[in-house]
Amino acid sequence: MQLDPDAAAVLSALNDPERTPFDRMEVAEARAAYGAARAATTLEPIPLPAIRDVALAGPAGSVPARLYRPRVEAEGPLPALVFLHGGGWVLGDLDSHDGLCRRLAAASGCAVVAVDYRLAPEHRFPAAFEDALAATRAVAVAAPELGVDPERLAVGGDSAGGNLAAAVCLALREAPGPRLRFQLLIYPALDFAMGTESQRMFAEGHFLTAALQRWFRGHYLGEAGPLGDWRASPLRASSLAGLPPAFVLTASHDPLRDEGEAYGARLAAEGGVATLWRVPGQIHGFLPLDRAIRAAPGVVEVLGRHLASNLDARSDPLRRA
């Protein structure tokens, strides 16, 4: 399978020998570089009727979040997606995924609540998971103030955010909290063992290198981290039965491809509902790069339609490519 030409151009820029990879930077330097790269590769933000920053109750104080509404408050409570951003548990924030969250809200007709969970290495595992779980519960509790329907909640995210979303679903299967209707997992990181065939195929030269994954893992879990803990590696949970329906998007040229697809296959085999979509010719992390990768907005449209259908959201007039 050939790389999409836009994805190939992105990889060519990332593999420039003059560019210093994130795993050779100090954390503060990597965060600044990541933010600059996001700004350069994301299209101008699409307008929505209501966007506001909010605070959600968390285990170590309030968790910053951002609410996106594709319709005005007067139109009543909307179904909602609790969105957890990627960035290897070390990088990323509300701004790095602002464009993607706007497009998901517009494409689905659902509210999106993006969560700015604590990052490593300042806050190691399980801090990010604890914030994600607490924020999901807090959205349900604060539903009237947020204008969302607590009976129509989903959780989702990309990469590290997909990891956190899957772990939240596992936690809420057994513990008190909202009954989630759907999980949207976008090229999720689901097993820290890094032992799949796609990990071997794309260990070098495809952005999310083996070295970069080890850098993220070291900062998040520590050198002797709990690789087998389901909160870190949801694919290693003893059972995936009883979880919400899932849409799992993978990219053909992504080292995380196989673990995402294995997770979806296990969900289905254990009595759940899983829709798998391997996007051909694409690389890890391509969705926010919509200025550089022209196929990205169309993929978000598909995600929005699946989100809407699973949360019984009506079509939104703001939806656009």
Protein backbone atom coordinates (compact mmCIF):
# COMPACT_ATOMS: atom_id res chain seq x y z
CA MET A 1 0.00 0.00 0.00
CA GLN A 2 1.33 3.39 -1.01
CA LEU A 3 1.47 6.40 1.27
CA ASP A 4 -0.91 9.24 0.56
CA PRO A 5 1.21 11.90 -1.21
CA ASP A 6 0.39 14.48 1.47
CA ALA A 7 1.37 12.06 4.22
CA ALA A 8 4.60 11.28 2.37
CA ALA A 9 5.39 15.01 2.20
CA VAL A 10 4.80 15.35 5.94
CA LEU A 11 7.12 12.43 6.64
CA SER A 12 9.77 13.91 4.37
CA ALA A 13 9.71 17.10 6.42
CA LEU A 14 9.75 15.21 9.71
CA ASN A 15 12.68 13.05 8.58
CA ASP A 16 14.80 16.04 7.55
CA PRO A 17 18.24 15.43 9.12
CA GLU A 18 18.27 19.08 10.21
CA ARG A 19 15.19 18.53 12.38
CA THR A 20 15.67 17.40 15.96
CA PRO A 21 13.13 14.70 16.92
CA PHE A 22 11.08 15.15 20.07
CA ASP A 23 12.82 12.30 21.85
CA ARG A 24 16.12 14.20 21.68
CA MET A 25 14.64 17.34 23.22
CA GLU A 26 13.98 18.43 26.76
CA VAL A 27 10.28 18.24 27.62
CA ALA A 28 9.70 22.00 27.59
CA GLU A 29 11.43 22.29 24.21
CA ALA A 30 9.37 19.40 22.81
CA ARG A 31 6.13 20.98 23.99
CA ALA A 32 6.98 24.26 22.32
CA ALA A 33 7.94 22.49 19.09
CA TYR A 34 4.77 20.39 19.15
CA GLY A 35 2.62 23.48 19.62
CA ALA A 36 4.38 25.30 16.79
CA ALA A 37 3.95 22.31 14.48
CA ARG A 38 0.24 22.12 15.28
CA ALA A 39 -0.22 25.81 14.52
CA ALA A 40 1.58 25.44 11.18
CA THR A 41 -0.31 22.35 10.01
CA THR A 42 -3.88 23.10 11.14
CA LEU A 43 -6.41 24.97 9.02
CA GLU A 44 -8.06 28.14 10.26
CA PRO A 45 -10.62 27.18 12.93
CA ILE A 46 -14.20 26.81 11.78
CA PRO A 47 -16.69 28.96 13.71
CA LEU A 48 -19.17 27.46 16.16
CA PRO A 49 -22.03 29.19 18.01
CA ALA A 50 -20.57 28.58 21.47
CA ILE A 51 -17.09 27.75 22.71
CA ARG A 52 -16.08 28.36 26.31
CA ASP A 53 -13.50 27.20 28.79
CA VAL A 54 -14.83 25.41 31.86
CA ALA A 55 -13.44 23.69 34.95
CA LEU A 56 -14.33 20.12 35.89
CA ALA A 57 -13.90 18.50 39.29
CA GLY A 58 -10.75 16.36 39.43
CA PRO A 59 -8.76 14.30 41.93
CA ALA A 60 -6.07 16.98 42.38
CA GLY A 61 -8.15 20.12 41.94
CA SER A 62 -10.13 21.33 38.96
CA VAL A 63 -9.34 19.98 35.49
CA PRO A 64 -9.38 22.61 32.71
CA ALA A 65 -11.68 21.78 29.82
CA ARG A 66 -13.23 23.43 26.77
CA LEU A 67 -16.85 23.08 25.72
CA TYR A 68 -17.77 23.18 22.02
CA ARG A 69 -21.44 23.49 21.09
CA PRO A 70 -22.51 23.29 17.43
CA ARG A 71 -25.92 24.76 18.35
CA VAL A 72 -27.04 27.61 20.57
CA GLU A 73 -27.90 26.95 24.22
CA ALA A 74 -31.61 27.61 23.64
CA GLU A 75 -31.92 24.50 21.49
CA GLY A 76 -31.64 22.28 24.55
CA PRO A 77 -29.24 19.64 25.86
CA LEU A 78 -27.00 17.97 23.33
CA PRO A 79 -25.36 14.55 23.33
CA ALA A 80 -21.70 14.97 24.18
CA LEU A 81 -18.27 13.54 23.49
CA VAL A 82 -15.66 13.80 26.24
CA PHE A 83 -12.51 14.23 24.16
CA LEU A 84 -8.99 13.36 25.39
CA HIS A 85 -6.14 14.72 23.28
CA GLY A 86 -3.08 12.87 22.06
CA GLY A 87 0.57 13.74 22.56
CA GLY A 88 2.04 10.74 24.31
CA TRP A 89 0.81 11.82 27.78
CA VAL A 90 3.61 14.41 27.63
CA LEU A 91 2.61 16.85 24.88
CA GLY A 92 -0.59 18.57 23.78
CA ASP A 93 -3.28 20.72 25.36
CA LEU A 94 -6.64 22.29 24.58
CA ASP A 95 -5.16 24.43 21.82
CA SER A 96 -3.28 21.63 20.03
CA HIS A 97 -6.55 19.83 19.23
CA ASP A 98 -8.88 22.82 19.02
CA GLY A 99 -9.36 22.48 15.26
CA LEU A 100 -10.14 18.77 15.46
CA CYS A 101 -12.65 19.27 18.29
CA ARG A 102 -14.43 22.01 16.34
CA ARG A 103 -14.73 19.75 13.31
CA LEU A 104 -15.99 16.81 15.38
CA ALA A 105 -18.67 19.00 16.95
CA ALA A 106 -19.76 20.44 13.61
CA ALA A 107 -19.73 17.07 11.83
CA SER A 108 -21.70 15.25 14.54
CA GLY A 109 -24.10 17.86 15.93
CA CYS A 110 -22.83 16.82 19.38
CA ALA A 111 -21.21 18.91 22.05
CA VAL A 112 -17.53 18.16 22.59
CA VAL A 113 -15.88 18.62 25.98
CA ALA A 114 -12.08 18.59 25.54
CA VAL A 115 -10.13 17.73 28.70
CA ASP A 116 -6.74 19.20 29.60
CA TYR A 117 -5.54 16.36 31.82
CA ARG A 118 -2.26 16.48 33.75
CA LEU A 119 0.84 15.64 31.75
CA ALA A 120 3.97 13.61 32.47
CA PRO A 121 6.71 13.71 33.60
CA GLU A 122 5.46 16.24 36.15
CA HIS A 123 2.47 13.98 36.77
CA ARG A 124 3.21 10.34 36.02
CA PHE A 125 0.80 7.43 35.58
CA PRO A 126 -1.95 7.15 36.69
CA ALA A 127 -2.54 10.93 36.93
CA ALA A 128 -3.75 11.35 33.34
CA PHE A 129 -6.09 8.38 33.68
CA GLU A 130 -7.45 9.67 36.99
CA ASP A 131 -8.13 13.10 35.48
CA ALA A 132 -9.82 11.55 32.43
CA LEU A 133 -12.06 9.38 34.60
CA ALA A 134 -12.93 12.22 36.96
CA ALA A 135 -13.63 14.61 34.08
CA THR A 136 -15.99 12.11 32.43
CA ARG A 137 -17.92 11.74 35.66
CA ALA A 138 -17.91 15.51 36.17
CA VAL A 139 -19.43 16.13 32.72
CA ALA A 140 -22.36 13.90 33.66
CA VAL A 141 -22.81 15.64 37.02
CA ALA A 142 -22.53 19.13 35.51
CA ALA A 143 -24.68 18.26 32.49
CA PRO A 144 -27.36 20.92 33.17
CA GLU A 145 -24.74 23.70 33.40
CA LEU A 146 -22.97 22.44 30.27
CA GLY A 147 -26.16 21.99 28.30
CA VAL A 148 -25.54 18.31 27.59
CA ASP A 149 -27.59 15.17 28.01
CA PRO A 150 -26.05 12.87 30.67
CA GLU A 151 -27.84 9.89 29.11
CA ARG A 152 -26.08 10.39 25.78
CA LEU A 153 -22.38 10.57 26.59
CA ALA A 154 -19.42 9.17 24.68
CA VAL A 155 -15.72 9.24 25.38
CA GLY A 156 -12.97 9.36 22.79
CA GLY A 157 -9.55 10.61 21.84
CA ASP A 158 -6.58 10.22 19.56
CA SER A 159 -3.39 8.26 20.29
CA ALA A 160 -2.66 8.69 24.02
CA GLY A 161 -6.16 10.13 24.31
CA GLY A 162 -7.56 6.95 22.77
CA ASN A 163 -5.65 5.01 25.42
CA LEU A 164 -7.25 7.09 28.17
CA ALA A 165 -10.71 6.81 26.61
CA ALA A 166 -10.51 3.01 26.46
CA ALA A 167 -9.30 2.88 30.07
CA VAL A 168 -12.17 5.14 31.18
CA CYS A 169 -14.65 2.75 29.55
CA LEU A 170 -13.09 -0.16 31.41
CA ALA A 171 -13.20 1.73 34.72
CA LEU A 172 -16.83 2.78 34.34
CA ARG A 173 -17.90 -0.77 33.50
CA GLU A 174 -17.37 -1.74 37.14
CA ALA A 175 -17.44 1.53 39.11
CA PRO A 176 -20.08 4.22 39.70
CA GLY A 177 -20.43 6.82 36.99
CA PRO A 178 -22.30 7.54 33.79
CA ARG A 179 -23.29 4.75 31.47
CA LEU A 180 -21.36 5.61 28.32
CA ARG A 181 -23.05 5.08 24.97
CA PHE A 182 -20.02 4.99 22.67
CA GLN A 183 -16.22 5.08 22.48
CA LEU A 184 -14.40 6.81 19.62
CA LEU A 185 -10.81 5.57 19.46
CA ILE A 186 -8.57 7.33 16.93
CA TYR A 187 -5.32 5.45 16.23
CA PRO A 188 -5.21 4.54 19.95
CA ALA A 189 -2.17 3.41 21.94
CA LEU A 190 -3.42 0.31 23.73
CA ASP A 191 -0.41 -1.85 24.66
CA PHE A 192 2.91 -0.57 25.94
CA ALA A 193 4.62 -3.86 25.04
CA MET A 194 5.22 -2.56 21.48
CA GLY A 195 5.42 -6.11 20.16
CA THR A 196 3.16 -6.14 17.11
CA GLU A 197 4.04 -6.57 13.45
CA SER A 198 3.10 -2.96 12.68
CA GLN A 199 5.46 -1.83 15.42
CA ARG A 200 8.26 -3.65 13.63
CA MET A 201 7.22 -2.42 10.18
CA PHE A 202 7.06 1.26 11.08
CA ALA A 203 9.60 1.52 13.88
CA GLU A 204 11.63 4.09 11.93
CA GLY A 205 10.81 6.88 9.56
CA HIS A 206 7.07 7.12 10.22
CA PHE A 207 6.99 9.88 12.88
CA LEU A 208 5.97 7.76 15.87
CA THR A 209 9.27 5.91 15.97
CA ALA A 210 10.17 3.22 18.47
CA ALA A 211 12.56 5.70 20.11
CA LEU A 212 9.83 8.32 20.48
CA GLN A 213 7.44 5.74 21.96
CA ARG A 214 10.07 4.74 24.51
CA TRP A 215 10.58 8.44 25.34
CA PHE A 216 6.86 8.85 25.98
CA ARG A 217 6.69 5.60 27.95
CA GLY A 218 9.63 6.57 30.14
CA HIS A 219 8.12 9.93 31.00
CA TYR A 220 4.64 8.55 31.63
CA LEU A 221 5.28 5.18 33.28
CA GLY A 222 8.89 5.48 34.38
CA GLU A 223 11.60 3.03 33.47
CA ALA A 224 10.02 0.18 35.44
CA GLY A 225 6.42 1.16 34.73
CA PRO A 226 3.42 -1.17 35.01
CA LEU A 227 3.17 -2.22 31.36
CA GLY A 228 0.52 -4.84 32.10
CA ASP A 229 -1.84 -2.60 34.11
CA TRP A 230 -5.06 -2.22 32.11
CA ARG A 231 -5.16 1.48 32.97
CA ALA A 232 -1.92 1.80 30.98
CA SER A 233 -2.47 -0.98 28.44
CA PRO A 234 -6.23 -1.48 27.96
CA LEU A 235 -5.63 -4.29 25.46
CA ARG A 236 -4.25 -6.34 28.38
CA ALA A 237 -7.48 -6.18 30.40
CA SER A 238 -8.62 -9.68 31.31
CA SER A 239 -12.03 -9.05 29.75
CA LEU A 240 -13.41 -6.52 27.28
CA ALA A 241 -16.99 -7.71 27.70
CA GLY A 242 -19.71 -5.23 28.60
CA LEU A 243 -18.07 -2.16 27.08
CA PRO A 244 -19.78 0.52 24.97
CA PRO A 245 -19.86 0.15 21.19
CA ALA A 246 -16.61 1.33 19.64
CA PHE A 247 -15.42 2.92 16.45
CA VAL A 248 -11.69 2.25 16.10
CA LEU A 249 -9.82 4.19 13.43
CA THR A 250 -6.33 3.04 12.51
CA ALA A 251 -3.87 4.29 9.89
CA SER A 252 -2.20 1.91 7.46
CA HIS A 253 1.34 3.21 8.08
CA ASP A 254 1.14 3.55 11.88
CA PRO A 255 3.05 1.43 14.41
CA LEU A 256 -0.09 1.46 16.60
CA ARG A 257 -2.23 -0.01 13.82
CA ASP A 258 -2.24 -3.63 14.94
CA GLU A 259 -3.00 -3.02 18.62
CA GLY A 260 -6.01 -0.87 17.70
CA GLU A 261 -7.31 -3.54 15.38
CA ALA A 262 -6.65 -6.27 17.95
CA TYR A 263 -8.67 -4.30 20.48
CA GLY A 264 -11.61 -3.98 18.10
CA ALA A 265 -11.44 -7.67 17.25
CA ARG A 266 -11.45 -8.59 20.94
CA LEU A 267 -14.42 -6.34 21.65
CA ALA A 268 -16.40 -8.10 18.93
CA ALA A 269 -15.26 -11.57 19.99
CA GLU A 270 -16.30 -10.89 23.58
CA GLY A 271 -19.83 -9.90 22.69
CA GLY A 272 -19.43 -6.20 22.02
CA VAL A 273 -19.89 -4.01 18.96
CA ALA A 274 -16.84 -2.66 17.17
CA THR A 275 -16.45 -0.91 13.85
CA LEU A 276 -12.89 -0.93 12.48
CA TRP A 277 -11.64 1.43 9.80
CA ARG A 278 -8.05 1.28 8.57
CA VAL A 279 -7.51 4.52 6.64
CA PRO A 280 -5.29 3.67 3.66
CA GLY A 281 -2.09 5.57 3.01
CA GLN A 282 -2.10 7.49 6.28
CA ILE A 283 0.28 7.92 9.20
CA HIS A 284 -0.09 8.26 12.92
CA GLY A 285 -1.45 11.61 14.06
CA PHE A 286 -2.75 12.73 10.67
CA LEU A 287 -6.17 14.10 11.63
CA PRO A 288 -5.13 17.44 13.17
CA LEU A 289 -2.77 18.03 10.21
CA ASP A 290 -5.62 19.18 7.97
CA ARG A 291 -3.64 22.00 6.39
CA ALA A 292 -0.97 19.52 5.28
CA ILE A 293 -3.07 16.37 4.70
CA ARG A 294 -6.08 17.18 2.58
CA ALA A 295 -7.86 13.90 3.32
CA ALA A 296 -8.14 14.68 7.03
CA PRO A 297 -11.36 16.76 7.06
CA GLY A 298 -13.24 14.10 5.12
CA VAL A 299 -12.18 11.47 7.64
CA VAL A 300 -13.45 13.65 10.48
CA GLU A 301 -16.79 13.88 8.66
CA VAL A 302 -17.06 10.09 8.78
CA LEU A 303 -16.21 10.05 12.49
CA GLY A 304 -18.84 12.71 13.10
CA ARG A 305 -21.51 10.66 11.38
CA HIS A 306 -20.71 7.60 13.50
CA LEU A 307 -20.73 9.69 16.65
CA ALA A 308 -24.10 11.19 15.72
CA SER A 309 -25.69 7.85 14.92
CA ASN A 310 -24.53 6.26 18.17
CA LEU A 311 -25.67 9.21 20.30
CA ASP A 312 -28.91 9.83 18.39
CA ALA A 313 -27.82 13.32 17.38
CA ARG A 314 -29.55 15.07 14.55
CA SER A 315 -27.67 16.37 11.53
CA ASP A 316 -26.09 19.78 12.05
CA PRO A 317 -26.36 22.61 9.50
CA LEU A 318 -22.82 23.71 10.31
CA ARG A 319 -21.31 20.45 9.15
CA ARG A 320 -18.76 21.06 6.43
CA ALA A 321 -15.71 19.41 4.87
